[in-house]
N, C-alpha and C. Protein backbone atom coordinates (compact mmCIF):
# COMPACT_ATOMS: atom_id res chain seq x y z
N MET A 1 -15.89 -13.29 -0.69
CA MET A 1 -16.45 -13.42 -2.03
C MET A 1 -16.95 -12.08 -2.57
N PHE A 2 -17.44 -11.22 -1.67
CA PHE A 2 -17.97 -9.93 -2.11
C PHE A 2 -16.91 -9.12 -2.82
N ILE A 3 -15.68 -9.25 -2.39
CA ILE A 3 -14.60 -8.46 -2.99
C ILE A 3 -14.38 -8.89 -4.44
N LEU A 4 -14.63 -10.16 -4.74
CA LEU A 4 -14.48 -10.64 -6.12
C LEU A 4 -15.55 -10.04 -7.03
N VAL A 5 -16.76 -9.90 -6.51
CA VAL A 5 -17.85 -9.28 -7.29
C VAL A 5 -17.47 -7.84 -7.63
N ILE A 6 -16.96 -7.12 -6.64
CA ILE A 6 -16.55 -5.73 -6.85
C ILE A 6 -15.39 -5.67 -7.84
N ALA A 7 -14.44 -6.59 -7.71
CA ALA A 7 -13.27 -6.60 -8.60
C ALA A 7 -13.67 -6.88 -10.04
N VAL A 8 -14.55 -7.86 -10.24
CA VAL A 8 -14.98 -8.18 -11.60
C VAL A 8 -15.73 -6.99 -12.20
N ALA A 9 -16.64 -6.41 -11.44
CA ALA A 9 -17.38 -5.24 -11.94
C ALA A 9 -16.43 -4.09 -12.25
N GLY A 10 -15.46 -3.85 -11.38
CA GLY A 10 -14.49 -2.79 -11.61
C GLY A 10 -13.63 -3.05 -12.83
N GLY A 11 -13.19 -4.29 -12.99
CA GLY A 11 -12.36 -4.65 -14.15
C GLY A 11 -13.12 -4.51 -15.45
N LEU A 12 -14.37 -4.96 -15.47
CA LEU A 12 -15.18 -4.84 -16.69
C LEU A 12 -15.44 -3.38 -17.03
N THR A 13 -15.71 -2.57 -16.00
CA THR A 13 -15.95 -1.14 -16.23
C THR A 13 -14.69 -0.45 -16.74
N ALA A 14 -13.57 -0.71 -16.08
CA ALA A 14 -12.31 -0.09 -16.51
C ALA A 14 -11.94 -0.53 -17.92
N GLY A 15 -12.10 -1.81 -18.20
CA GLY A 15 -11.78 -2.31 -19.54
C GLY A 15 -12.62 -1.65 -20.61
N ALA A 16 -13.91 -1.48 -20.33
CA ALA A 16 -14.81 -0.83 -21.30
C ALA A 16 -14.45 0.65 -21.47
N LEU A 17 -14.17 1.33 -20.35
CA LEU A 17 -13.81 2.75 -20.43
C LEU A 17 -12.50 2.98 -21.18
N LEU A 18 -11.63 1.98 -21.15
CA LEU A 18 -10.35 2.09 -21.85
C LEU A 18 -10.42 1.58 -23.29
N GLY A 19 -11.63 1.34 -23.75
CA GLY A 19 -11.82 0.93 -25.14
C GLY A 19 -11.67 -0.56 -25.38
N GLY A 20 -11.70 -1.34 -24.33
CA GLY A 20 -11.56 -2.78 -24.48
C GLY A 20 -12.85 -3.45 -24.94
N SER A 21 -12.74 -4.73 -25.21
CA SER A 21 -13.87 -5.51 -25.70
C SER A 21 -14.07 -6.75 -24.83
N LEU A 22 -15.33 -7.03 -24.50
CA LEU A 22 -15.63 -8.25 -23.75
C LEU A 22 -15.19 -9.50 -24.51
N ALA A 23 -15.25 -9.44 -25.82
CA ALA A 23 -14.86 -10.58 -26.65
C ALA A 23 -13.41 -11.00 -26.40
N ASN A 24 -12.58 -10.03 -26.03
CA ASN A 24 -11.17 -10.35 -25.78
C ASN A 24 -10.96 -11.22 -24.54
N LEU A 25 -11.94 -11.25 -23.64
CA LEU A 25 -11.79 -12.07 -22.44
C LEU A 25 -11.69 -13.55 -22.78
N GLU A 26 -12.21 -13.93 -23.94
CA GLU A 26 -12.07 -15.33 -24.39
C GLU A 26 -10.62 -15.74 -24.51
N ARG A 27 -9.77 -14.77 -24.81
CA ARG A 27 -8.37 -15.07 -25.04
C ARG A 27 -7.52 -14.98 -23.78
N LEU A 28 -8.13 -14.64 -22.65
CA LEU A 28 -7.39 -14.60 -21.40
C LEU A 28 -7.01 -16.03 -21.03
N SER A 29 -5.74 -16.26 -20.93
CA SER A 29 -5.26 -17.61 -20.67
C SER A 29 -4.35 -17.59 -19.43
N LEU A 30 -4.75 -18.36 -18.45
CA LEU A 30 -3.95 -18.51 -17.24
C LEU A 30 -3.65 -19.98 -17.04
N ARG A 31 -2.41 -20.28 -16.70
CA ARG A 31 -2.05 -21.66 -16.41
C ARG A 31 -2.73 -22.08 -15.09
N LEU A 32 -3.22 -23.28 -15.07
CA LEU A 32 -3.85 -23.87 -13.88
C LEU A 32 -5.03 -23.05 -13.34
N ALA A 33 -5.73 -22.36 -14.21
CA ALA A 33 -6.86 -21.52 -13.79
C ALA A 33 -7.93 -22.33 -13.07
N TRP A 34 -8.04 -23.60 -13.38
CA TRP A 34 -9.04 -24.45 -12.71
C TRP A 34 -8.81 -24.52 -11.21
N LEU A 35 -7.58 -24.27 -10.75
CA LEU A 35 -7.30 -24.28 -9.31
C LEU A 35 -8.04 -23.15 -8.59
N VAL A 36 -8.21 -22.02 -9.29
CA VAL A 36 -8.95 -20.89 -8.70
C VAL A 36 -10.40 -21.29 -8.50
N VAL A 37 -10.98 -21.94 -9.49
CA VAL A 37 -12.37 -22.39 -9.39
C VAL A 37 -12.52 -23.38 -8.25
N LEU A 38 -11.59 -24.32 -8.14
CA LEU A 38 -11.62 -25.31 -7.06
C LEU A 38 -11.47 -24.62 -5.70
N ALA A 39 -10.55 -23.67 -5.59
CA ALA A 39 -10.35 -22.95 -4.33
C ALA A 39 -11.62 -22.20 -3.91
N LEU A 40 -12.25 -21.53 -4.87
CA LEU A 40 -13.49 -20.81 -4.55
C LEU A 40 -14.59 -21.78 -4.14
N ALA A 41 -14.67 -22.92 -4.83
CA ALA A 41 -15.68 -23.92 -4.46
C ALA A 41 -15.44 -24.43 -3.04
N LEU A 42 -14.19 -24.68 -2.68
CA LEU A 42 -13.88 -25.12 -1.32
C LEU A 42 -14.30 -24.07 -0.29
N GLN A 43 -14.04 -22.79 -0.59
CA GLN A 43 -14.42 -21.75 0.36
C GLN A 43 -15.93 -21.61 0.46
N ILE A 44 -16.63 -21.75 -0.66
CA ILE A 44 -18.09 -21.67 -0.62
C ILE A 44 -18.65 -22.79 0.25
N VAL A 45 -18.15 -24.00 0.06
CA VAL A 45 -18.61 -25.13 0.88
C VAL A 45 -18.24 -24.90 2.34
N ASP A 46 -16.99 -24.51 2.58
CA ASP A 46 -16.46 -24.34 3.93
C ASP A 46 -17.26 -23.31 4.73
N PHE A 47 -17.66 -22.22 4.09
CA PHE A 47 -18.32 -21.14 4.82
C PHE A 47 -19.82 -21.05 4.57
N SER A 48 -20.37 -22.13 4.03
CA SER A 48 -21.82 -22.21 3.82
C SER A 48 -22.41 -23.02 4.98
N PRO A 49 -23.72 -23.14 5.04
CA PRO A 49 -24.32 -23.99 6.08
C PRO A 49 -23.80 -25.43 6.04
N LEU A 50 -23.40 -25.91 4.87
CA LEU A 50 -22.84 -27.25 4.76
C LEU A 50 -21.57 -27.37 5.60
N GLY A 51 -20.75 -26.33 5.58
CA GLY A 51 -19.51 -26.35 6.35
C GLY A 51 -19.72 -26.43 7.84
N ALA A 52 -20.89 -26.01 8.31
CA ALA A 52 -21.19 -26.07 9.75
C ALA A 52 -21.22 -27.51 10.25
N HIS A 53 -21.37 -28.47 9.35
CA HIS A 53 -21.39 -29.88 9.73
C HIS A 53 -19.99 -30.47 9.87
N PHE A 54 -18.97 -29.72 9.45
CA PHE A 54 -17.59 -30.19 9.55
C PHE A 54 -17.01 -29.82 10.90
N SER A 55 -16.01 -30.56 11.31
CA SER A 55 -15.29 -30.21 12.54
C SER A 55 -14.48 -28.94 12.28
N ASP A 56 -14.08 -28.27 13.35
CA ASP A 56 -13.24 -27.07 13.20
C ASP A 56 -11.95 -27.41 12.47
N THR A 57 -11.38 -28.57 12.77
CA THR A 57 -10.14 -28.99 12.12
C THR A 57 -10.33 -29.14 10.62
N THR A 58 -11.45 -29.74 10.21
CA THR A 58 -11.73 -29.92 8.78
C THR A 58 -11.94 -28.58 8.11
N ARG A 59 -12.67 -27.68 8.77
CA ARG A 59 -12.92 -26.36 8.18
C ARG A 59 -11.62 -25.59 7.99
N VAL A 60 -10.76 -25.62 8.98
CA VAL A 60 -9.48 -24.92 8.88
C VAL A 60 -8.63 -25.55 7.79
N ALA A 61 -8.63 -26.88 7.71
CA ALA A 61 -7.85 -27.57 6.67
C ALA A 61 -8.35 -27.19 5.27
N LEU A 62 -9.66 -27.13 5.09
CA LEU A 62 -10.22 -26.72 3.79
C LEU A 62 -9.83 -25.28 3.46
N HIS A 63 -9.85 -24.42 4.48
CA HIS A 63 -9.47 -23.02 4.28
C HIS A 63 -8.01 -22.93 3.82
N PHE A 64 -7.13 -23.64 4.54
CA PHE A 64 -5.71 -23.65 4.16
C PHE A 64 -5.52 -24.21 2.75
N LEU A 65 -6.22 -25.30 2.44
CA LEU A 65 -6.11 -25.91 1.13
C LEU A 65 -6.54 -24.94 0.03
N SER A 66 -7.60 -24.19 0.27
CA SER A 66 -8.06 -23.23 -0.75
C SER A 66 -6.99 -22.19 -1.03
N TYR A 67 -6.31 -21.72 0.00
CA TYR A 67 -5.24 -20.74 -0.21
C TYR A 67 -4.02 -21.37 -0.88
N ALA A 68 -3.72 -22.62 -0.57
CA ALA A 68 -2.61 -23.30 -1.23
C ALA A 68 -2.89 -23.44 -2.72
N LEU A 69 -4.13 -23.74 -3.09
CA LEU A 69 -4.50 -23.84 -4.50
C LEU A 69 -4.35 -22.50 -5.20
N LEU A 70 -4.81 -21.43 -4.55
CA LEU A 70 -4.68 -20.09 -5.15
C LEU A 70 -3.22 -19.72 -5.35
N LEU A 71 -2.39 -19.99 -4.34
CA LEU A 71 -0.97 -19.65 -4.45
C LEU A 71 -0.28 -20.47 -5.53
N THR A 72 -0.71 -21.71 -5.74
CA THR A 72 -0.15 -22.54 -6.81
C THR A 72 -0.47 -21.94 -8.17
N CYS A 73 -1.71 -21.49 -8.36
CA CYS A 73 -2.08 -20.85 -9.63
C CYS A 73 -1.30 -19.56 -9.83
N VAL A 74 -1.15 -18.78 -8.77
CA VAL A 74 -0.39 -17.54 -8.86
C VAL A 74 1.05 -17.83 -9.27
N ALA A 75 1.67 -18.82 -8.64
CA ALA A 75 3.06 -19.17 -8.95
C ALA A 75 3.21 -19.56 -10.42
N ALA A 76 2.19 -20.19 -10.99
CA ALA A 76 2.26 -20.62 -12.39
C ALA A 76 2.07 -19.46 -13.37
N ASN A 77 1.65 -18.29 -12.86
CA ASN A 77 1.35 -17.16 -13.74
C ASN A 77 2.05 -15.87 -13.31
N LEU A 78 3.15 -15.98 -12.62
CA LEU A 78 3.84 -14.81 -12.07
C LEU A 78 4.38 -13.84 -13.12
N ARG A 79 4.42 -14.24 -14.35
CA ARG A 79 4.97 -13.36 -15.39
C ARG A 79 4.07 -12.16 -15.64
N ARG A 80 2.87 -12.17 -15.13
CA ARG A 80 1.90 -11.09 -15.38
C ARG A 80 1.80 -10.20 -14.15
N PRO A 81 2.07 -8.89 -14.29
CA PRO A 81 2.01 -7.99 -13.14
C PRO A 81 0.67 -8.01 -12.39
N PRO A 82 -0.50 -8.07 -13.06
CA PRO A 82 -1.74 -8.12 -12.28
C PRO A 82 -1.82 -9.38 -11.40
N VAL A 83 -1.29 -10.48 -11.90
CA VAL A 83 -1.31 -11.72 -11.12
C VAL A 83 -0.35 -11.60 -9.93
N MET A 84 0.75 -10.88 -10.12
CA MET A 84 1.69 -10.66 -9.01
C MET A 84 1.00 -9.90 -7.88
N LEU A 85 0.24 -8.85 -8.22
CA LEU A 85 -0.47 -8.08 -7.21
C LEU A 85 -1.55 -8.94 -6.54
N PHE A 86 -2.30 -9.68 -7.35
CA PHE A 86 -3.30 -10.60 -6.83
C PHE A 86 -2.63 -11.58 -5.86
N GLY A 87 -1.48 -12.11 -6.25
CA GLY A 87 -0.75 -13.07 -5.43
C GLY A 87 -0.25 -12.48 -4.12
N LEU A 88 0.19 -11.23 -4.15
CA LEU A 88 0.59 -10.58 -2.89
C LEU A 88 -0.58 -10.49 -1.93
N GLY A 89 -1.76 -10.21 -2.48
CA GLY A 89 -2.96 -10.17 -1.63
C GLY A 89 -3.30 -11.53 -1.05
N VAL A 90 -3.21 -12.57 -1.89
CA VAL A 90 -3.48 -13.92 -1.42
C VAL A 90 -2.46 -14.31 -0.35
N LEU A 91 -1.19 -13.99 -0.60
CA LEU A 91 -0.14 -14.31 0.37
C LEU A 91 -0.36 -13.57 1.69
N SER A 92 -0.72 -12.29 1.61
CA SER A 92 -1.00 -11.51 2.81
C SER A 92 -2.12 -12.14 3.63
N ASN A 93 -3.20 -12.51 2.96
CA ASN A 93 -4.32 -13.15 3.67
C ASN A 93 -3.91 -14.51 4.23
N THR A 94 -3.13 -15.25 3.46
CA THR A 94 -2.70 -16.58 3.90
C THR A 94 -1.89 -16.47 5.19
N VAL A 95 -0.95 -15.54 5.22
CA VAL A 95 -0.11 -15.37 6.41
C VAL A 95 -0.98 -15.01 7.62
N ALA A 96 -1.89 -14.05 7.44
CA ALA A 96 -2.76 -13.63 8.56
C ALA A 96 -3.62 -14.79 9.05
N ILE A 97 -4.10 -15.60 8.13
CA ILE A 97 -4.96 -16.73 8.51
C ILE A 97 -4.15 -17.84 9.18
N VAL A 98 -2.99 -18.15 8.64
CA VAL A 98 -2.18 -19.23 9.21
C VAL A 98 -1.73 -18.89 10.63
N VAL A 99 -1.24 -17.67 10.87
CA VAL A 99 -0.75 -17.34 12.21
C VAL A 99 -1.88 -17.17 13.22
N ASN A 100 -3.12 -17.15 12.74
CA ASN A 100 -4.27 -17.02 13.64
C ASN A 100 -5.15 -18.28 13.61
N ARG A 101 -4.52 -19.43 13.46
CA ARG A 101 -5.17 -20.74 13.59
C ARG A 101 -6.30 -20.99 12.59
N GLY A 102 -6.20 -20.40 11.41
CA GLY A 102 -7.18 -20.71 10.36
C GLY A 102 -8.28 -19.68 10.17
N TYR A 103 -8.24 -18.60 10.93
CA TYR A 103 -9.26 -17.57 10.79
C TYR A 103 -8.61 -16.21 10.55
N MET A 104 -9.28 -15.39 9.77
CA MET A 104 -8.82 -14.03 9.51
C MET A 104 -9.26 -13.16 10.69
N PRO A 105 -8.32 -12.47 11.34
CA PRO A 105 -8.74 -11.60 12.44
C PRO A 105 -9.54 -10.41 11.90
N ALA A 106 -10.57 -10.03 12.62
CA ALA A 106 -11.41 -8.91 12.21
C ALA A 106 -11.49 -7.91 13.36
N SER A 107 -11.36 -6.63 13.03
CA SER A 107 -11.44 -5.62 14.08
C SER A 107 -12.89 -5.40 14.50
N ARG A 108 -13.06 -5.10 15.77
CA ARG A 108 -14.38 -4.82 16.33
C ARG A 108 -15.04 -3.66 15.57
N ALA A 109 -14.28 -2.61 15.29
CA ALA A 109 -14.83 -1.43 14.61
C ALA A 109 -15.31 -1.78 13.20
N ALA A 110 -14.53 -2.58 12.48
CA ALA A 110 -14.92 -2.96 11.12
C ALA A 110 -16.19 -3.82 11.15
N LEU A 111 -16.25 -4.77 12.08
CA LEU A 111 -17.44 -5.62 12.19
C LEU A 111 -18.69 -4.78 12.48
N ARG A 112 -18.56 -3.84 13.41
CA ARG A 112 -19.70 -2.97 13.75
C ARG A 112 -20.13 -2.14 12.55
N LEU A 113 -19.16 -1.54 11.86
CA LEU A 113 -19.47 -0.70 10.71
C LEU A 113 -20.21 -1.48 9.62
N ALA A 114 -19.83 -2.73 9.44
CA ALA A 114 -20.46 -3.56 8.42
C ALA A 114 -21.79 -4.16 8.89
N GLY A 115 -22.10 -3.98 10.18
CA GLY A 115 -23.35 -4.52 10.71
C GLY A 115 -23.28 -6.02 10.94
N LEU A 116 -22.08 -6.54 11.16
CA LEU A 116 -21.88 -7.97 11.40
C LEU A 116 -21.79 -8.24 12.89
N PRO A 117 -22.06 -9.48 13.30
CA PRO A 117 -21.99 -9.81 14.72
C PRO A 117 -20.59 -9.57 15.29
N VAL A 118 -20.54 -8.96 16.46
CA VAL A 118 -19.27 -8.75 17.15
C VAL A 118 -19.27 -9.71 18.33
N SER A 119 -18.67 -10.89 18.11
CA SER A 119 -18.61 -11.90 19.16
C SER A 119 -17.34 -12.71 19.00
N ALA A 120 -17.04 -13.47 20.03
CA ALA A 120 -15.83 -14.30 19.99
C ALA A 120 -16.01 -15.50 19.07
N THR A 121 -17.25 -15.80 18.70
CA THR A 121 -17.51 -16.92 17.80
C THR A 121 -17.15 -16.50 16.37
N PRO A 122 -16.34 -17.29 15.67
CA PRO A 122 -15.99 -16.93 14.30
C PRO A 122 -17.23 -16.78 13.42
N HIS A 123 -17.21 -15.78 12.57
CA HIS A 123 -18.28 -15.54 11.60
C HIS A 123 -17.68 -15.71 10.22
N ASN A 124 -18.22 -16.65 9.46
CA ASN A 124 -17.68 -16.95 8.13
C ASN A 124 -16.21 -17.29 8.32
N ASN A 125 -15.29 -16.60 7.69
CA ASN A 125 -13.87 -16.92 7.88
C ASN A 125 -13.18 -15.93 8.81
N SER A 126 -13.95 -15.02 9.43
CA SER A 126 -13.37 -14.00 10.30
C SER A 126 -13.60 -14.35 11.77
N GLU A 127 -12.65 -13.91 12.57
CA GLU A 127 -12.73 -14.09 14.01
C GLU A 127 -12.35 -12.76 14.65
N LEU A 128 -13.09 -12.36 15.66
CA LEU A 128 -12.83 -11.10 16.34
C LEU A 128 -11.40 -11.07 16.85
N ALA A 129 -10.67 -10.03 16.47
CA ALA A 129 -9.29 -9.86 16.95
C ALA A 129 -9.35 -9.61 18.46
N ALA A 130 -8.50 -10.30 19.19
CA ALA A 130 -8.48 -10.17 20.65
C ALA A 130 -7.05 -10.35 21.11
N ALA A 131 -6.88 -10.43 22.43
CA ALA A 131 -5.55 -10.68 22.96
C ALA A 131 -5.03 -11.98 22.35
N GLY A 132 -3.81 -11.97 21.91
CA GLY A 132 -3.22 -13.15 21.29
C GLY A 132 -3.36 -13.19 19.78
N THR A 133 -4.06 -12.21 19.22
CA THR A 133 -4.18 -12.14 17.76
C THR A 133 -2.85 -11.67 17.20
N HIS A 134 -2.42 -12.32 16.14
CA HIS A 134 -1.16 -11.96 15.49
C HIS A 134 -1.45 -11.22 14.19
N LEU A 135 -0.62 -10.23 13.88
CA LEU A 135 -0.71 -9.48 12.62
C LEU A 135 -2.12 -8.95 12.37
N ALA A 136 -2.75 -8.42 13.39
CA ALA A 136 -4.13 -7.93 13.27
C ALA A 136 -4.27 -6.88 12.18
N PHE A 137 -3.21 -6.10 11.93
CA PHE A 137 -3.27 -5.06 10.90
C PHE A 137 -3.45 -5.65 9.50
N MET A 138 -3.12 -6.95 9.34
CA MET A 138 -3.30 -7.62 8.05
C MET A 138 -4.68 -8.27 7.94
N GLY A 139 -5.46 -8.16 9.00
CA GLY A 139 -6.78 -8.78 9.03
C GLY A 139 -7.85 -7.89 8.43
N ASP A 140 -9.09 -8.24 8.72
CA ASP A 140 -10.25 -7.50 8.22
C ASP A 140 -10.44 -6.25 9.07
N VAL A 141 -9.76 -5.19 8.67
CA VAL A 141 -9.80 -3.93 9.43
C VAL A 141 -10.57 -2.84 8.68
N PHE A 142 -11.00 -3.13 7.47
CA PHE A 142 -11.79 -2.19 6.67
C PHE A 142 -13.19 -2.75 6.52
N ALA A 143 -14.15 -1.87 6.20
CA ALA A 143 -15.52 -2.35 6.04
C ALA A 143 -16.29 -1.50 5.05
N LEU A 144 -17.20 -2.17 4.35
CA LEU A 144 -18.25 -1.47 3.61
C LEU A 144 -19.38 -1.33 4.61
N PRO A 145 -19.90 -0.12 4.83
CA PRO A 145 -20.88 0.09 5.89
C PRO A 145 -22.19 -0.67 5.68
N HIS A 146 -22.77 -1.02 6.81
CA HIS A 146 -24.09 -1.66 6.81
C HIS A 146 -25.06 -0.78 6.02
N GLY A 147 -25.87 -1.39 5.21
CA GLY A 147 -26.80 -0.64 4.37
C GLY A 147 -26.31 -0.49 2.95
N VAL A 148 -25.01 -0.63 2.75
CA VAL A 148 -24.44 -0.61 1.40
C VAL A 148 -24.52 -2.03 0.86
N PRO A 149 -24.91 -2.21 -0.41
CA PRO A 149 -24.94 -3.58 -0.93
C PRO A 149 -23.58 -4.26 -0.74
N LEU A 150 -23.62 -5.50 -0.36
CA LEU A 150 -22.43 -6.32 -0.12
C LEU A 150 -21.62 -5.87 1.09
N ALA A 151 -22.25 -5.18 2.04
CA ALA A 151 -21.54 -4.72 3.24
C ALA A 151 -20.81 -5.89 3.88
N ASN A 152 -19.54 -5.68 4.19
CA ASN A 152 -18.72 -6.74 4.78
C ASN A 152 -17.41 -6.13 5.24
N VAL A 153 -16.61 -6.94 5.91
CA VAL A 153 -15.27 -6.51 6.32
C VAL A 153 -14.26 -7.06 5.32
N PHE A 154 -13.13 -6.37 5.23
CA PHE A 154 -12.09 -6.83 4.30
C PHE A 154 -10.73 -6.35 4.76
N SER A 155 -9.70 -6.94 4.16
CA SER A 155 -8.31 -6.70 4.57
C SER A 155 -7.54 -5.99 3.46
N ILE A 156 -6.31 -5.61 3.79
CA ILE A 156 -5.42 -5.05 2.79
C ILE A 156 -5.13 -6.10 1.71
N GLY A 157 -5.05 -7.37 2.11
CA GLY A 157 -4.87 -8.45 1.15
C GLY A 157 -6.04 -8.52 0.18
N ASP A 158 -7.26 -8.35 0.70
CA ASP A 158 -8.45 -8.37 -0.16
C ASP A 158 -8.40 -7.22 -1.17
N ILE A 159 -7.89 -6.07 -0.74
CA ILE A 159 -7.79 -4.93 -1.65
C ILE A 159 -6.81 -5.25 -2.78
N MET A 160 -5.66 -5.85 -2.43
CA MET A 160 -4.68 -6.22 -3.46
C MET A 160 -5.26 -7.28 -4.41
N ILE A 161 -6.01 -8.23 -3.86
CA ILE A 161 -6.65 -9.25 -4.70
C ILE A 161 -7.62 -8.59 -5.67
N ALA A 162 -8.45 -7.68 -5.15
CA ALA A 162 -9.46 -7.02 -5.99
C ALA A 162 -8.81 -6.17 -7.08
N VAL A 163 -7.81 -5.38 -6.71
CA VAL A 163 -7.15 -4.53 -7.71
C VAL A 163 -6.43 -5.39 -8.75
N GLY A 164 -5.75 -6.45 -8.30
CA GLY A 164 -5.07 -7.34 -9.25
C GLY A 164 -6.03 -8.01 -10.21
N LEU A 165 -7.17 -8.47 -9.70
CA LEU A 165 -8.17 -9.12 -10.56
C LEU A 165 -8.78 -8.11 -11.53
N ALA A 166 -9.14 -6.93 -11.03
CA ALA A 166 -9.71 -5.90 -11.90
C ALA A 166 -8.72 -5.51 -12.99
N TRP A 167 -7.46 -5.36 -12.62
CA TRP A 167 -6.39 -5.02 -13.58
C TRP A 167 -6.26 -6.11 -14.64
N LEU A 168 -6.28 -7.37 -14.21
CA LEU A 168 -6.16 -8.48 -15.14
C LEU A 168 -7.31 -8.49 -16.15
N ILE A 169 -8.52 -8.25 -15.66
CA ILE A 169 -9.69 -8.23 -16.55
C ILE A 169 -9.60 -7.06 -17.52
N ALA A 170 -9.30 -5.86 -17.00
CA ALA A 170 -9.20 -4.67 -17.86
C ALA A 170 -8.10 -4.86 -18.90
N GLU A 171 -6.96 -5.41 -18.48
CA GLU A 171 -5.85 -5.64 -19.41
C GLU A 171 -6.25 -6.64 -20.50
N ALA A 172 -6.93 -7.70 -20.10
CA ALA A 172 -7.36 -8.70 -21.08
C ALA A 172 -8.36 -8.12 -22.07
N MET A 173 -9.24 -7.26 -21.60
CA MET A 173 -10.23 -6.64 -22.50
C MET A 173 -9.56 -5.75 -23.54
N ARG A 174 -8.39 -5.22 -23.21
CA ARG A 174 -7.69 -4.30 -24.10
C ARG A 174 -6.72 -5.01 -25.03
N LEU A 175 -6.70 -6.33 -25.03
CA LEU A 175 -5.81 -7.05 -25.94
C LEU A 175 -6.04 -6.59 -27.37
N PRO A 176 -4.98 -6.50 -28.15
CA PRO A 176 -5.18 -6.11 -29.55
C PRO A 176 -6.01 -7.17 -30.28
N ALA A 177 -6.74 -6.71 -31.25
CA ALA A 177 -7.57 -7.62 -32.04
C ALA A 177 -6.68 -8.62 -32.76
N VAL A 178 -7.17 -9.81 -32.86
CA VAL A 178 -6.43 -10.85 -33.59
C VAL A 178 -6.62 -10.60 -35.08
N ALA A 179 -5.52 -10.55 -35.77
CA ALA A 179 -5.60 -10.36 -37.22
C ALA A 179 -5.96 -11.69 -37.85
N HIS A 180 -7.06 -11.71 -38.52
CA HIS A 180 -7.46 -12.93 -39.23
C HIS A 180 -6.90 -12.85 -40.64
N PRO A 181 -6.15 -13.86 -41.06
CA PRO A 181 -5.58 -13.81 -42.41
C PRO A 181 -6.71 -13.78 -43.44
N ARG A 182 -6.48 -12.96 -44.44
CA ARG A 182 -7.46 -12.87 -45.52
C ARG A 182 -7.28 -14.07 -46.44
N PRO A 183 -8.39 -14.57 -46.94
CA PRO A 183 -8.24 -15.70 -47.86
C PRO A 183 -7.51 -15.25 -49.12
N LEU A 184 -6.69 -16.13 -49.61
CA LEU A 184 -5.98 -15.83 -50.84
C LEU A 184 -6.96 -15.80 -52.00
N ALA A 185 -6.78 -14.79 -52.80
CA ALA A 185 -7.64 -14.71 -53.98
C ALA A 185 -7.14 -15.77 -54.98
N VAL A 186 -8.04 -16.51 -55.45
CA VAL A 186 -7.69 -17.54 -56.43
C VAL A 186 -7.93 -16.95 -57.81
N ALA A 187 -6.88 -16.97 -58.60
CA ALA A 187 -6.99 -16.43 -59.96
C ALA A 187 -7.81 -17.39 -60.80
N PRO A 188 -8.71 -16.84 -61.58
CA PRO A 188 -9.52 -17.73 -62.46
C PRO A 188 -8.57 -18.38 -63.46
N PRO A 189 -8.90 -19.59 -63.84
CA PRO A 189 -8.05 -20.28 -64.83
C PRO A 189 -8.03 -19.49 -66.13
N ASN A 190 -6.91 -19.51 -66.76
CA ASN A 190 -6.77 -18.79 -68.03
C ASN A 190 -7.67 -19.45 -69.08
N ALA A 191 -8.47 -18.62 -69.66
CA ALA A 191 -9.34 -19.13 -70.72
C ALA A 191 -8.59 -19.02 -72.03
N GLU A 192 -8.25 -20.10 -72.58
CA GLU A 192 -7.51 -20.08 -73.83
C GLU A 192 -8.34 -20.56 -74.96
């Protein structure tokens, strides 16, 4: 989730620096956008204290479902280059999570740098990469250092998601202004 905060802030900043307007975000239209909201809600529940009450099978199923919802929204909006990049990031994360039984592999070095627990017990959606981990290079191998706001681990997929989202926001802010038709001047009736 932290990567989304950074992406939104980056997109708003880039859009403003490029002369865009926040008002233009009203006109940003994505097909099936509600699926993104549902996917994020599922992940929030899944990785919150509430999710601790679910079985591992249920948590993994919710995680997979959230990514399926995101990929469905991406597929419905592929005509937009920022969504394509966002989708590549989602797909990259999905593959890494699926081949690792529902958890994103995280490198020991990245976890340490972020100040997160380094243990075999999964933390949030990450699990320490170990023997038998598949595609570890696609996992959480990068980190914002401990002490930095929002310190956490992240993947190459997360970077693509963040850049795609920031690009989408900045692009939407730069939409040309909508031309509002001027009212027709009504000629006064001829005074005869």
